């Protein structure tokens, strides 16, 4: 497949999802939640297997019994949701460079705070990006297909000539398909660790990392 555009998720694809995990755990502690590593991991792991709904909401309900503190919790977590040199996946930038060399336009489609732009600039990744559909900036969150459509509109590329790379079936693969894109499921970060046989059939490509991905896309 000769793609004209490739859209990338950020967490789980370019940077480790552990950053958000640590940030939200710290927020729960800050607001007095009776949280332990074991209880947090129980909610977190069940969320990954469900691949549905909001982790933030599930944590609030589990530890506080309501969503009353959700906005405060996220404000505190967002201040600590900062990627460092240690959080970047070693295979991410190379794939973006390779796709650019193949003539593809690059966009980000991700639920991330606006501060991620500065981090991407610091790591020399933002210069590879033609458009950044970052939820906190564009005002649309995945799994809404609208954020994918926005990115493709800004790139002036038809969905049938584009592919999305993300690590969740519900917020990446399915909404990308809904707008007519193909999809790569990267099984790391917040990806479901125990996918069904049917889950594995949904994406066009399933990988555990990005090594050799340009060749797999080209072979579609």
N, C-alpha and C. Protein backbone atom coordinates (compact mmCIF):
# COMPACT_ATOMS: atom_id res chain seq x y z
N UNK A 1 0.85 -1.20 0.00
CA UNK A 1 0.00 0.00 0.00
C UNK A 1 0.88 1.25 0.00
N UNK A 2 0.69 2.08 -0.98
CA UNK A 2 1.40 3.35 -1.03
C UNK A 2 0.58 4.38 -0.25
N UNK A 3 0.97 4.66 0.97
CA UNK A 3 0.19 5.57 1.80
C UNK A 3 0.61 7.02 1.56
N UNK A 4 -0.37 7.89 1.65
CA UNK A 4 -0.10 9.31 1.51
C UNK A 4 -0.06 10.01 2.86
N UNK A 5 -0.62 9.34 3.88
CA UNK A 5 -0.59 9.93 5.23
C UNK A 5 -0.55 8.83 6.28
N UNK A 6 0.22 9.08 7.32
CA UNK A 6 0.29 8.18 8.47
C UNK A 6 0.01 9.01 9.72
N UNK A 7 -0.97 8.57 10.51
CA UNK A 7 -1.26 9.26 11.76
C UNK A 7 -0.78 8.39 12.92
N UNK A 8 -0.19 9.03 13.90
CA UNK A 8 0.39 8.33 15.04
C UNK A 8 -0.30 8.72 16.33
N UNK A 9 -0.62 7.73 17.16
CA UNK A 9 -0.95 8.01 18.55
C UNK A 9 0.36 8.41 19.23
N UNK A 10 0.28 8.98 20.42
CA UNK A 10 1.47 9.40 21.15
C UNK A 10 1.80 8.41 22.27
N UNK A 11 0.88 8.27 23.23
CA UNK A 11 1.10 7.34 24.32
C UNK A 11 1.04 5.90 23.84
N UNK A 12 2.06 5.11 24.16
CA UNK A 12 2.09 3.72 23.75
C UNK A 12 2.71 3.49 22.39
N UNK A 13 2.85 4.56 21.62
CA UNK A 13 3.44 4.45 20.27
C UNK A 13 4.76 5.21 20.20
N UNK A 14 4.73 6.48 20.61
CA UNK A 14 5.95 7.29 20.63
C UNK A 14 6.56 7.32 22.03
N UNK A 15 5.71 7.48 23.03
CA UNK A 15 6.18 7.51 24.43
C UNK A 15 5.47 6.44 25.25
N UNK A 16 6.10 6.05 26.33
CA UNK A 16 5.53 5.03 27.22
C UNK A 16 4.28 5.55 27.94
N UNK A 17 3.26 4.70 28.03
CA UNK A 17 2.05 5.04 28.77
C UNK A 17 2.28 5.04 30.28
N UNK A 18 3.42 4.55 30.73
CA UNK A 18 3.70 4.52 32.17
C UNK A 18 3.73 5.92 32.77
N UNK A 19 3.99 6.92 31.94
CA UNK A 19 4.05 8.30 32.43
C UNK A 19 2.69 8.73 32.96
N UNK A 20 1.65 8.49 32.18
CA UNK A 20 0.30 8.83 32.64
C UNK A 20 -0.09 7.98 33.83
N UNK A 21 0.29 6.73 33.81
CA UNK A 21 -0.04 5.82 34.91
C UNK A 21 0.54 6.35 36.22
N UNK A 22 1.79 6.78 36.19
CA UNK A 22 2.41 7.33 37.40
C UNK A 22 1.76 8.64 37.83
N UNK A 23 1.40 9.46 36.84
CA UNK A 23 0.81 10.76 37.15
C UNK A 23 -0.56 10.63 37.79
N UNK A 24 -1.39 9.72 37.28
CA UNK A 24 -2.73 9.57 37.84
C UNK A 24 -2.67 8.89 39.20
N UNK A 25 -1.70 8.02 39.41
CA UNK A 25 -1.52 7.39 40.72
C UNK A 25 -1.14 8.45 41.75
N UNK A 26 -0.24 9.35 41.38
CA UNK A 26 0.16 10.43 42.28
C UNK A 26 -1.02 11.33 42.60
N UNK A 27 -1.88 11.56 41.61
CA UNK A 27 -3.06 12.40 41.83
C UNK A 27 -4.02 11.75 42.82
N UNK A 28 -4.21 10.46 42.69
CA UNK A 28 -5.09 9.74 43.63
C UNK A 28 -4.55 9.86 45.05
N UNK A 29 -3.27 9.70 45.20
CA UNK A 29 -2.65 9.83 46.52
C UNK A 29 -2.83 11.24 47.07
N UNK A 30 -2.63 12.23 46.21
CA UNK A 30 -2.72 13.63 46.63
C UNK A 30 -4.10 13.97 47.19
N UNK A 31 -5.14 13.42 46.58
CA UNK A 31 -6.50 13.72 47.00
C UNK A 31 -7.05 12.73 48.03
N UNK A 32 -6.14 11.97 48.61
CA UNK A 32 -6.52 11.13 49.73
C UNK A 32 -7.21 9.83 49.42
N UNK A 33 -7.09 9.33 48.21
CA UNK A 33 -7.70 8.05 47.87
C UNK A 33 -7.01 6.92 48.62
N UNK A 34 -7.76 5.92 49.07
CA UNK A 34 -7.16 4.77 49.75
C UNK A 34 -6.52 3.82 48.75
N UNK A 35 -5.54 4.33 48.00
CA UNK A 35 -4.97 3.59 46.89
C UNK A 35 -3.67 2.89 47.29
N UNK A 36 -3.49 1.68 46.82
CA UNK A 36 -2.24 0.95 46.94
C UNK A 36 -1.85 0.49 45.54
N UNK A 37 -0.63 0.05 45.39
CA UNK A 37 -0.21 -0.44 44.08
C UNK A 37 -1.10 -1.59 43.62
N UNK A 38 -1.45 -2.46 44.56
CA UNK A 38 -2.28 -3.62 44.21
C UNK A 38 -3.69 -3.21 43.77
N UNK A 39 -4.32 -2.28 44.52
CA UNK A 39 -5.68 -1.88 44.17
C UNK A 39 -5.69 -1.07 42.87
N UNK A 40 -4.69 -0.24 42.69
CA UNK A 40 -4.60 0.54 41.45
C UNK A 40 -4.42 -0.39 40.26
N UNK A 41 -3.48 -1.32 40.37
CA UNK A 41 -3.21 -2.23 39.26
C UNK A 41 -4.43 -3.09 38.92
N UNK A 42 -5.23 -3.40 39.93
CA UNK A 42 -6.44 -4.19 39.68
C UNK A 42 -7.40 -3.43 38.77
N UNK A 43 -7.65 -2.16 39.08
CA UNK A 43 -8.53 -1.33 38.25
C UNK A 43 -7.91 -1.10 36.87
N UNK A 44 -6.62 -0.81 36.86
CA UNK A 44 -5.91 -0.52 35.62
C UNK A 44 -5.92 -1.72 34.68
N UNK A 45 -5.60 -2.90 35.21
CA UNK A 45 -5.54 -4.10 34.39
C UNK A 45 -6.91 -4.48 33.83
N UNK A 46 -7.94 -4.33 34.65
CA UNK A 46 -9.30 -4.62 34.17
C UNK A 46 -9.70 -3.65 33.07
N UNK A 47 -9.25 -2.41 33.20
CA UNK A 47 -9.53 -1.41 32.17
C UNK A 47 -8.87 -1.80 30.85
N UNK A 48 -7.62 -2.23 30.91
CA UNK A 48 -6.92 -2.63 29.68
C UNK A 48 -7.64 -3.79 29.00
N UNK A 49 -8.12 -4.74 29.79
CA UNK A 49 -8.79 -5.89 29.20
C UNK A 49 -10.16 -5.52 28.63
N UNK A 50 -10.82 -4.54 29.24
CA UNK A 50 -12.14 -4.13 28.75
C UNK A 50 -12.03 -3.33 27.46
N UNK A 51 -10.92 -2.53 27.32
CA UNK A 51 -10.73 -1.67 26.15
C UNK A 51 -11.97 -0.83 25.87
N UNK A 52 -12.54 -0.31 26.93
CA UNK A 52 -13.73 0.52 26.78
C UNK A 52 -13.85 1.46 27.95
N UNK A 53 -14.40 2.65 27.70
CA UNK A 53 -14.65 3.60 28.77
C UNK A 53 -13.41 4.39 29.16
N UNK A 54 -13.60 5.25 30.13
CA UNK A 54 -12.55 6.15 30.59
C UNK A 54 -11.87 5.61 31.84
N UNK A 55 -10.56 5.45 31.79
CA UNK A 55 -9.80 5.03 32.97
C UNK A 55 -9.96 6.05 34.09
N UNK A 56 -9.97 7.31 33.74
CA UNK A 56 -10.09 8.37 34.75
C UNK A 56 -11.40 8.22 35.52
N UNK A 57 -12.47 7.99 34.79
CA UNK A 57 -13.78 7.83 35.44
C UNK A 57 -13.81 6.57 36.30
N UNK A 58 -13.27 5.50 35.80
CA UNK A 58 -13.26 4.24 36.55
C UNK A 58 -12.48 4.39 37.86
N UNK A 59 -11.36 5.09 37.82
CA UNK A 59 -10.57 5.29 39.02
C UNK A 59 -11.31 6.15 40.04
N UNK A 60 -11.97 7.19 39.56
CA UNK A 60 -12.73 8.07 40.45
C UNK A 60 -13.86 7.30 41.15
N UNK A 61 -14.59 6.53 40.37
CA UNK A 61 -15.70 5.76 40.93
C UNK A 61 -15.18 4.74 41.94
N UNK A 62 -14.10 4.06 41.59
CA UNK A 62 -13.58 3.01 42.47
C UNK A 62 -13.04 3.57 43.78
N UNK A 63 -12.29 4.66 43.70
CA UNK A 63 -11.61 5.15 44.91
C UNK A 63 -12.36 6.26 45.65
N UNK A 64 -13.24 6.98 44.95
CA UNK A 64 -13.97 8.07 45.61
C UNK A 64 -15.48 7.86 45.62
N UNK A 65 -15.97 6.92 44.83
CA UNK A 65 -17.39 6.64 44.81
C UNK A 65 -18.21 7.58 43.96
N UNK A 66 -17.56 8.53 43.28
CA UNK A 66 -18.26 9.48 42.41
C UNK A 66 -17.25 10.11 41.46
N UNK A 67 -17.78 10.96 40.56
CA UNK A 67 -16.91 11.67 39.62
C UNK A 67 -16.63 13.11 40.06
N UNK A 68 -16.97 13.43 41.30
CA UNK A 68 -16.87 14.81 41.78
C UNK A 68 -15.45 15.37 41.68
N UNK A 69 -14.45 14.54 41.88
CA UNK A 69 -13.07 15.02 41.88
C UNK A 69 -12.35 14.78 40.55
N UNK A 70 -13.09 14.35 39.53
CA UNK A 70 -12.43 13.97 38.28
C UNK A 70 -11.64 15.12 37.66
N UNK A 71 -12.23 16.30 37.57
CA UNK A 71 -11.53 17.42 36.94
C UNK A 71 -10.30 17.83 37.74
N UNK A 72 -10.40 17.83 39.05
CA UNK A 72 -9.26 18.18 39.90
C UNK A 72 -8.18 17.12 39.81
N UNK A 73 -8.61 15.88 39.77
CA UNK A 73 -7.67 14.78 39.65
C UNK A 73 -6.87 14.90 38.35
N UNK A 74 -7.57 15.21 37.26
CA UNK A 74 -6.89 15.32 35.98
C UNK A 74 -6.00 16.55 35.89
N UNK A 75 -6.42 17.62 36.53
CA UNK A 75 -5.58 18.82 36.54
C UNK A 75 -4.25 18.53 37.24
N UNK A 76 -4.33 17.84 38.36
CA UNK A 76 -3.11 17.50 39.11
C UNK A 76 -2.25 16.54 38.31
N UNK A 77 -2.88 15.53 37.70
CA UNK A 77 -2.14 14.53 36.92
C UNK A 77 -1.51 15.15 35.68
N UNK A 78 -2.23 16.06 35.04
CA UNK A 78 -1.72 16.68 33.81
C UNK A 78 -0.43 17.45 34.05
N UNK A 79 -0.33 18.08 35.20
CA UNK A 79 0.89 18.82 35.53
C UNK A 79 2.10 17.90 35.64
N UNK A 80 1.84 16.62 35.86
CA UNK A 80 2.92 15.63 36.03
C UNK A 80 3.01 14.68 34.84
N UNK A 81 2.20 14.94 33.84
CA UNK A 81 2.13 14.11 32.63
C UNK A 81 3.15 14.63 31.63
N UNK A 82 4.42 14.51 31.97
CA UNK A 82 5.50 15.07 31.17
C UNK A 82 6.46 13.95 30.78
N UNK A 83 6.64 13.76 29.48
CA UNK A 83 7.55 12.73 29.00
C UNK A 83 8.99 13.21 29.06
N UNK A 84 9.90 12.30 29.37
CA UNK A 84 11.33 12.60 29.44
C UNK A 84 12.08 11.77 28.41
N UNK A 85 13.39 11.93 28.38
CA UNK A 85 14.21 11.16 27.44
C UNK A 85 14.05 9.66 27.66
N UNK A 86 13.83 9.26 28.91
CA UNK A 86 13.71 7.83 29.23
C UNK A 86 12.38 7.23 28.76
N UNK A 87 11.42 8.08 28.44
CA UNK A 87 10.07 7.59 28.11
C UNK A 87 9.84 7.36 26.62
N UNK A 88 10.74 7.83 25.79
CA UNK A 88 10.53 7.70 24.35
C UNK A 88 10.91 6.29 23.88
N UNK A 89 10.09 5.71 23.03
CA UNK A 89 10.41 4.41 22.46
C UNK A 89 11.51 4.58 21.40
N UNK A 90 12.50 3.71 21.46
CA UNK A 90 13.65 3.83 20.57
C UNK A 90 13.30 3.65 19.10
N UNK A 91 12.18 2.97 18.82
CA UNK A 91 11.82 2.70 17.42
C UNK A 91 10.89 3.73 16.79
N UNK A 92 10.43 4.70 17.58
CA UNK A 92 9.39 5.61 17.11
C UNK A 92 9.88 6.61 16.06
N UNK A 93 10.91 7.35 16.37
CA UNK A 93 11.35 8.41 15.46
C UNK A 93 11.81 7.84 14.13
N UNK A 94 12.48 6.70 14.16
CA UNK A 94 12.97 6.10 12.92
C UNK A 94 11.86 5.75 11.95
N UNK A 95 10.73 5.26 12.48
CA UNK A 95 9.60 4.94 11.62
C UNK A 95 9.00 6.20 11.01
N UNK A 96 8.92 7.25 11.81
CA UNK A 96 8.38 8.51 11.29
C UNK A 96 9.28 9.05 10.18
N UNK A 97 10.58 8.99 10.39
CA UNK A 97 11.53 9.44 9.37
C UNK A 97 11.39 8.60 8.10
N UNK A 98 11.26 7.29 8.26
CA UNK A 98 11.15 6.40 7.11
C UNK A 98 9.88 6.67 6.30
N UNK A 99 8.77 6.92 7.00
CA UNK A 99 7.53 7.20 6.29
C UNK A 99 7.59 8.54 5.56
N UNK A 100 8.26 9.52 6.17
CA UNK A 100 8.44 10.81 5.50
C UNK A 100 9.27 10.64 4.23
N UNK A 101 10.30 9.81 4.32
CA UNK A 101 11.15 9.58 3.16
C UNK A 101 10.39 8.89 2.04
N UNK A 102 9.36 8.14 2.41
CA UNK A 102 8.52 7.47 1.41
C UNK A 102 7.49 8.43 0.80
N UNK A 103 7.47 9.67 1.29
CA UNK A 103 6.56 10.67 0.75
C UNK A 103 5.26 10.84 1.50
N UNK A 104 5.11 10.15 2.63
CA UNK A 104 3.86 10.26 3.40
C UNK A 104 3.87 11.50 4.28
N UNK A 105 2.70 12.09 4.42
CA UNK A 105 2.52 13.16 5.39
C UNK A 105 2.29 12.53 6.76
N UNK A 106 2.68 13.26 7.81
CA UNK A 106 2.61 12.72 9.16
C UNK A 106 1.73 13.60 10.04
N UNK A 107 0.83 12.96 10.78
CA UNK A 107 0.01 13.68 11.75
C UNK A 107 0.01 12.91 13.07
N UNK A 108 -0.28 13.62 14.13
CA UNK A 108 -0.50 13.01 15.43
C UNK A 108 -1.99 13.04 15.70
N UNK A 109 -2.54 11.96 16.22
CA UNK A 109 -3.94 11.91 16.64
C UNK A 109 -3.93 11.28 18.03
N UNK A 110 -4.03 12.12 19.05
CA UNK A 110 -3.77 11.61 20.40
C UNK A 110 -4.51 12.39 21.46
N UNK A 111 -4.92 11.68 22.50
CA UNK A 111 -5.48 12.31 23.71
C UNK A 111 -4.33 12.65 24.63
N UNK A 112 -3.89 13.89 24.55
CA UNK A 112 -2.72 14.34 25.29
C UNK A 112 -2.89 15.78 25.72
N UNK A 113 -2.16 16.21 26.77
CA UNK A 113 -2.17 17.62 27.16
C UNK A 113 -1.38 18.45 26.14
N UNK A 114 -1.63 19.74 26.13
CA UNK A 114 -0.94 20.62 25.19
C UNK A 114 0.57 20.63 25.40
N UNK A 115 1.02 20.34 26.61
CA UNK A 115 2.44 20.37 26.93
C UNK A 115 3.25 19.35 26.14
N UNK A 116 2.59 18.36 25.54
CA UNK A 116 3.32 17.35 24.79
C UNK A 116 4.02 17.95 23.58
N UNK A 117 3.52 19.06 23.09
CA UNK A 117 4.15 19.71 21.93
C UNK A 117 5.58 20.12 22.26
N UNK A 118 5.78 20.72 23.41
CA UNK A 118 7.13 21.13 23.81
C UNK A 118 8.06 19.92 23.94
N UNK A 119 7.53 18.83 24.45
CA UNK A 119 8.33 17.61 24.59
C UNK A 119 8.71 17.06 23.23
N UNK A 120 7.76 17.03 22.31
CA UNK A 120 8.04 16.55 20.96
C UNK A 120 9.08 17.42 20.26
N UNK A 121 9.02 18.71 20.50
CA UNK A 121 10.01 19.62 19.92
C UNK A 121 11.39 19.33 20.49
N UNK A 122 11.45 19.11 21.80
CA UNK A 122 12.73 18.85 22.47
C UNK A 122 13.38 17.57 21.97
N UNK A 123 12.57 16.59 21.57
CA UNK A 123 13.10 15.32 21.11
C UNK A 123 13.24 15.23 19.59
N UNK A 124 13.05 16.36 18.91
CA UNK A 124 13.24 16.39 17.46
C UNK A 124 12.20 15.62 16.68
N UNK A 125 11.03 15.43 17.27
CA UNK A 125 9.96 14.69 16.61
C UNK A 125 8.95 15.63 15.96
N UNK A 126 8.69 16.73 16.60
CA UNK A 126 7.66 17.65 16.10
C UNK A 126 7.99 18.17 14.71
N UNK A 127 9.25 18.29 14.39
CA UNK A 127 9.66 18.78 13.07
C UNK A 127 9.26 17.83 11.95
N UNK A 128 8.94 16.59 12.31
CA UNK A 128 8.50 15.60 11.33
C UNK A 128 7.00 15.63 11.11
N UNK A 129 6.29 16.37 11.96
CA UNK A 129 4.83 16.35 11.98
C UNK A 129 4.23 17.47 11.13
N UNK A 130 3.31 17.10 10.25
CA UNK A 130 2.64 18.09 9.41
C UNK A 130 1.40 18.68 10.08
N UNK A 131 0.79 17.91 10.99
CA UNK A 131 -0.34 18.43 11.76
C UNK A 131 -0.47 17.62 13.04
N UNK A 132 -0.73 18.32 14.13
CA UNK A 132 -0.87 17.67 15.43
C UNK A 132 -2.30 17.81 15.95
N UNK A 133 -3.06 16.72 15.85
CA UNK A 133 -4.42 16.70 16.40
C UNK A 133 -4.32 16.21 17.84
N UNK A 134 -3.91 17.12 18.71
CA UNK A 134 -3.78 16.83 20.13
C UNK A 134 -5.07 17.26 20.81
N UNK A 135 -5.69 16.35 21.54
CA UNK A 135 -7.04 16.58 22.08
C UNK A 135 -7.17 17.89 22.85
N UNK A 136 -6.19 18.19 23.70
CA UNK A 136 -6.28 19.40 24.52
C UNK A 136 -6.20 20.67 23.67
N UNK A 137 -5.69 20.56 22.46
CA UNK A 137 -5.55 21.72 21.57
C UNK A 137 -6.72 21.83 20.61
N UNK A 138 -7.13 20.72 20.01
CA UNK A 138 -8.19 20.77 19.00
C UNK A 138 -9.59 20.63 19.60
N UNK A 139 -9.68 20.23 20.86
CA UNK A 139 -10.98 20.14 21.52
C UNK A 139 -11.81 18.93 21.15
N UNK A 140 -11.18 17.91 20.61
CA UNK A 140 -11.85 16.65 20.28
C UNK A 140 -11.01 15.52 20.84
N UNK A 141 -11.67 14.54 21.44
CA UNK A 141 -10.94 13.40 22.00
C UNK A 141 -11.29 12.12 21.25
N UNK A 142 -10.32 11.23 21.12
CA UNK A 142 -10.63 9.87 20.69
C UNK A 142 -11.49 9.23 21.78
N UNK A 143 -12.43 8.38 21.44
CA UNK A 143 -12.59 7.69 20.16
C UNK A 143 -13.44 8.39 19.12
N UNK A 144 -13.70 9.68 19.26
CA UNK A 144 -14.50 10.36 18.24
C UNK A 144 -13.79 10.29 16.89
N UNK A 145 -14.47 9.80 15.86
CA UNK A 145 -13.86 9.77 14.53
C UNK A 145 -13.54 11.18 14.01
N UNK A 146 -14.16 12.19 14.61
CA UNK A 146 -13.96 13.55 14.13
C UNK A 146 -12.50 14.00 14.24
N UNK A 147 -11.78 13.50 15.23
CA UNK A 147 -10.39 13.92 15.38
C UNK A 147 -9.52 13.32 14.27
N UNK A 148 -9.90 12.13 13.80
CA UNK A 148 -9.20 11.53 12.66
C UNK A 148 -9.53 12.28 11.37
N UNK A 149 -10.79 12.61 11.21
CA UNK A 149 -11.21 13.36 10.02
C UNK A 149 -10.55 14.73 9.97
N UNK A 150 -10.42 15.36 11.13
CA UNK A 150 -9.76 16.67 11.18
C UNK A 150 -8.32 16.57 10.70
N UNK A 151 -7.61 15.56 11.20
CA UNK A 151 -6.21 15.40 10.80
C UNK A 151 -6.07 15.18 9.30
N UNK A 152 -6.91 14.32 8.75
CA UNK A 152 -6.83 14.03 7.32
C UNK A 152 -7.22 15.25 6.48
N UNK A 153 -8.18 16.02 6.99
CA UNK A 153 -8.58 17.24 6.29
C UNK A 153 -7.41 18.23 6.24
N UNK A 154 -6.72 18.36 7.37
CA UNK A 154 -5.57 19.29 7.42
C UNK A 154 -4.43 18.81 6.51
N UNK A 155 -4.33 17.50 6.35
CA UNK A 155 -3.28 16.95 5.49
C UNK A 155 -3.71 16.90 4.03
N UNK A 156 -5.01 17.10 3.77
CA UNK A 156 -5.59 17.03 2.42
C UNK A 156 -5.32 15.66 1.79
N UNK A 157 -5.60 14.61 2.58
CA UNK A 157 -5.39 13.24 2.13
C UNK A 157 -6.68 12.45 2.28
N UNK A 158 -7.01 11.63 1.28
CA UNK A 158 -8.19 10.78 1.35
C UNK A 158 -7.97 9.66 2.38
N UNK A 159 -8.98 9.35 3.19
CA UNK A 159 -8.82 8.29 4.19
C UNK A 159 -8.34 6.96 3.63
N UNK A 160 -8.76 6.63 2.41
CA UNK A 160 -8.40 5.34 1.82
C UNK A 160 -6.91 5.23 1.52
N UNK A 161 -6.22 6.36 1.54
CA UNK A 161 -4.78 6.38 1.27
C UNK A 161 -4.00 6.68 2.55
N UNK A 162 -4.60 6.38 3.68
CA UNK A 162 -3.97 6.71 4.96
C UNK A 162 -4.06 5.54 5.93
N UNK A 163 -3.20 5.58 6.95
CA UNK A 163 -3.19 4.52 7.96
C UNK A 163 -2.87 5.13 9.32
N UNK A 164 -3.55 4.61 10.34
CA UNK A 164 -3.32 5.10 11.71
C UNK A 164 -2.56 4.05 12.51
N UNK A 165 -1.66 4.52 13.36
CA UNK A 165 -0.87 3.64 14.21
C UNK A 165 -1.20 3.96 15.67
N UNK A 166 -1.81 3.02 16.36
CA UNK A 166 -2.20 3.25 17.75
C UNK A 166 -2.16 1.96 18.55
N UNK A 167 -2.31 2.09 19.88
CA UNK A 167 -2.17 0.91 20.73
C UNK A 167 -3.47 0.46 21.40
N UNK A 168 -4.60 1.00 20.94
CA UNK A 168 -5.88 0.54 21.49
C UNK A 168 -6.86 0.25 20.36
N UNK A 169 -7.62 -0.83 20.54
CA UNK A 169 -8.64 -1.17 19.55
C UNK A 169 -9.77 -0.16 19.57
N UNK A 170 -10.24 0.19 20.79
CA UNK A 170 -11.44 1.03 20.92
C UNK A 170 -11.22 2.48 20.55
N UNK A 171 -10.06 3.04 20.88
CA UNK A 171 -9.84 4.47 20.64
C UNK A 171 -8.95 4.76 19.43
N UNK A 172 -8.37 3.73 18.86
CA UNK A 172 -7.48 3.92 17.70
C UNK A 172 -7.98 3.18 16.46
N UNK A 173 -8.02 1.87 16.55
CA UNK A 173 -8.32 1.06 15.37
C UNK A 173 -9.75 1.25 14.87
N UNK A 174 -10.71 1.11 15.76
CA UNK A 174 -12.12 1.20 15.33
C UNK A 174 -12.48 2.58 14.80
N UNK A 175 -12.17 3.68 15.50
CA UNK A 175 -12.53 4.99 14.93
C UNK A 175 -11.77 5.32 13.65
N UNK A 176 -10.55 4.82 13.52
CA UNK A 176 -9.82 5.03 12.25
C UNK A 176 -10.54 4.32 11.11
N UNK A 177 -11.00 3.11 11.37
CA UNK A 177 -11.77 2.37 10.36
C UNK A 177 -13.05 3.11 10.00
N UNK A 178 -13.67 3.73 10.98
CA UNK A 178 -14.95 4.40 10.74
C UNK A 178 -14.84 5.56 9.75
N UNK A 179 -13.66 6.15 9.66
CA UNK A 179 -13.49 7.23 8.69
C UNK A 179 -12.87 6.73 7.39
N UNK A 180 -12.63 5.43 7.30
CA UNK A 180 -12.12 4.86 6.06
C UNK A 180 -10.62 4.63 6.01
N UNK A 181 -9.94 4.78 7.17
CA UNK A 181 -8.50 4.54 7.23
C UNK A 181 -8.22 3.06 7.49
N UNK A 182 -7.01 2.63 7.18
CA UNK A 182 -6.52 1.35 7.66
C UNK A 182 -5.84 1.60 9.02
N UNK A 183 -5.51 0.53 9.73
CA UNK A 183 -4.97 0.72 11.07
C UNK A 183 -3.93 -0.32 11.44
N UNK A 184 -2.95 0.14 12.21
CA UNK A 184 -1.93 -0.72 12.81
C UNK A 184 -2.19 -0.74 14.32
N UNK A 185 -2.28 -1.93 14.88
CA UNK A 185 -2.43 -2.06 16.33
C UNK A 185 -1.08 -2.43 16.92
N UNK A 186 -0.54 -1.53 17.76
CA UNK A 186 0.73 -1.76 18.43
C UNK A 186 0.43 -2.30 19.83
N UNK A 187 0.81 -3.52 20.08
CA UNK A 187 0.45 -4.16 21.34
C UNK A 187 1.46 -3.86 22.44
N UNK A 188 1.44 -2.61 22.90
CA UNK A 188 2.25 -2.22 24.04
C UNK A 188 1.56 -1.06 24.75
N UNK A 189 2.05 -0.69 25.92
CA UNK A 189 1.40 0.38 26.68
C UNK A 189 0.02 -0.06 27.15
N UNK A 190 -1.00 0.71 26.83
CA UNK A 190 -2.36 0.42 27.27
C UNK A 190 -3.11 -0.54 26.35
N UNK A 191 -2.39 -1.27 25.53
CA UNK A 191 -3.04 -2.28 24.70
C UNK A 191 -3.57 -3.42 25.57
N UNK A 192 -4.69 -4.00 25.16
CA UNK A 192 -5.25 -5.14 25.87
C UNK A 192 -4.23 -6.29 25.87
N UNK A 193 -3.79 -6.75 27.06
CA UNK A 193 -2.78 -7.82 27.09
C UNK A 193 -3.34 -9.19 26.72
N UNK A 194 -4.67 -9.32 26.73
CA UNK A 194 -5.29 -10.62 26.43
C UNK A 194 -6.37 -10.47 25.35
N UNK A 195 -5.96 -10.13 24.14
CA UNK A 195 -6.96 -9.93 23.07
C UNK A 195 -7.58 -11.25 22.63
N UNK A 196 -8.80 -11.16 22.17
CA UNK A 196 -9.47 -12.33 21.62
C UNK A 196 -8.99 -12.55 20.19
N UNK A 197 -9.32 -13.72 19.66
CA UNK A 197 -8.99 -13.99 18.26
C UNK A 197 -9.67 -12.99 17.33
N UNK A 198 -10.88 -12.56 17.71
CA UNK A 198 -11.60 -11.57 16.91
C UNK A 198 -10.91 -10.22 16.96
N UNK A 199 -10.40 -9.83 18.15
CA UNK A 199 -9.68 -8.56 18.28
C UNK A 199 -8.51 -8.52 17.30
N UNK A 200 -7.80 -9.62 17.21
CA UNK A 200 -6.60 -9.67 16.38
C UNK A 200 -6.91 -9.58 14.89
N UNK A 201 -8.17 -9.82 14.53
CA UNK A 201 -8.56 -9.74 13.12
C UNK A 201 -9.00 -8.33 12.71
N UNK A 202 -9.24 -7.46 13.69
CA UNK A 202 -9.78 -6.14 13.36
C UNK A 202 -8.77 -5.24 12.64
N UNK A 203 -7.54 -5.09 13.14
CA UNK A 203 -6.58 -4.22 12.45
C UNK A 203 -6.02 -4.89 11.20
N UNK A 204 -5.55 -4.10 10.28
CA UNK A 204 -4.87 -4.65 9.10
C UNK A 204 -3.50 -5.22 9.47
N UNK A 205 -2.86 -4.58 10.47
CA UNK A 205 -1.53 -5.01 10.91
C UNK A 205 -1.52 -5.05 12.44
N UNK A 206 -0.94 -6.10 13.00
CA UNK A 206 -0.76 -6.22 14.45
C UNK A 206 0.72 -6.43 14.72
N UNK A 207 1.31 -5.55 15.57
CA UNK A 207 2.73 -5.65 15.88
C UNK A 207 2.95 -5.42 17.37
N UNK A 208 4.10 -5.84 17.86
CA UNK A 208 4.46 -5.57 19.25
C UNK A 208 5.41 -4.39 19.37
N UNK A 209 5.98 -3.95 18.25
CA UNK A 209 6.83 -2.77 18.20
C UNK A 209 6.80 -2.22 16.78
N UNK A 210 7.55 -1.17 16.54
CA UNK A 210 7.48 -0.51 15.23
C UNK A 210 8.58 -0.92 14.27
N UNK A 211 9.43 -1.84 14.69
CA UNK A 211 10.54 -2.27 13.83
C UNK A 211 10.00 -2.97 12.58
N UNK A 212 10.44 -2.49 11.42
CA UNK A 212 10.01 -3.08 10.16
C UNK A 212 8.60 -2.69 9.73
N UNK A 213 7.98 -1.75 10.43
CA UNK A 213 6.60 -1.39 10.11
C UNK A 213 6.44 -0.78 8.72
N UNK A 214 7.33 0.08 8.26
CA UNK A 214 7.15 0.65 6.91
C UNK A 214 7.04 -0.45 5.84
N UNK A 215 7.80 -1.53 5.98
CA UNK A 215 7.74 -2.62 5.02
C UNK A 215 6.40 -3.36 5.10
N UNK A 216 5.88 -3.52 6.33
CA UNK A 216 4.59 -4.18 6.50
C UNK A 216 3.47 -3.34 5.88
N UNK A 217 3.55 -2.04 6.05
CA UNK A 217 2.55 -1.15 5.45
C UNK A 217 2.63 -1.19 3.93
N UNK A 218 3.83 -1.18 3.42
CA UNK A 218 4.02 -1.20 1.98
C UNK A 218 3.47 -2.49 1.35
N UNK A 219 3.48 -3.56 2.15
CA UNK A 219 3.03 -4.86 1.64
C UNK A 219 1.53 -5.04 1.67
N UNK A 220 0.79 -4.10 2.27
CA UNK A 220 -0.66 -4.24 2.34
C UNK A 220 -1.29 -4.24 0.94
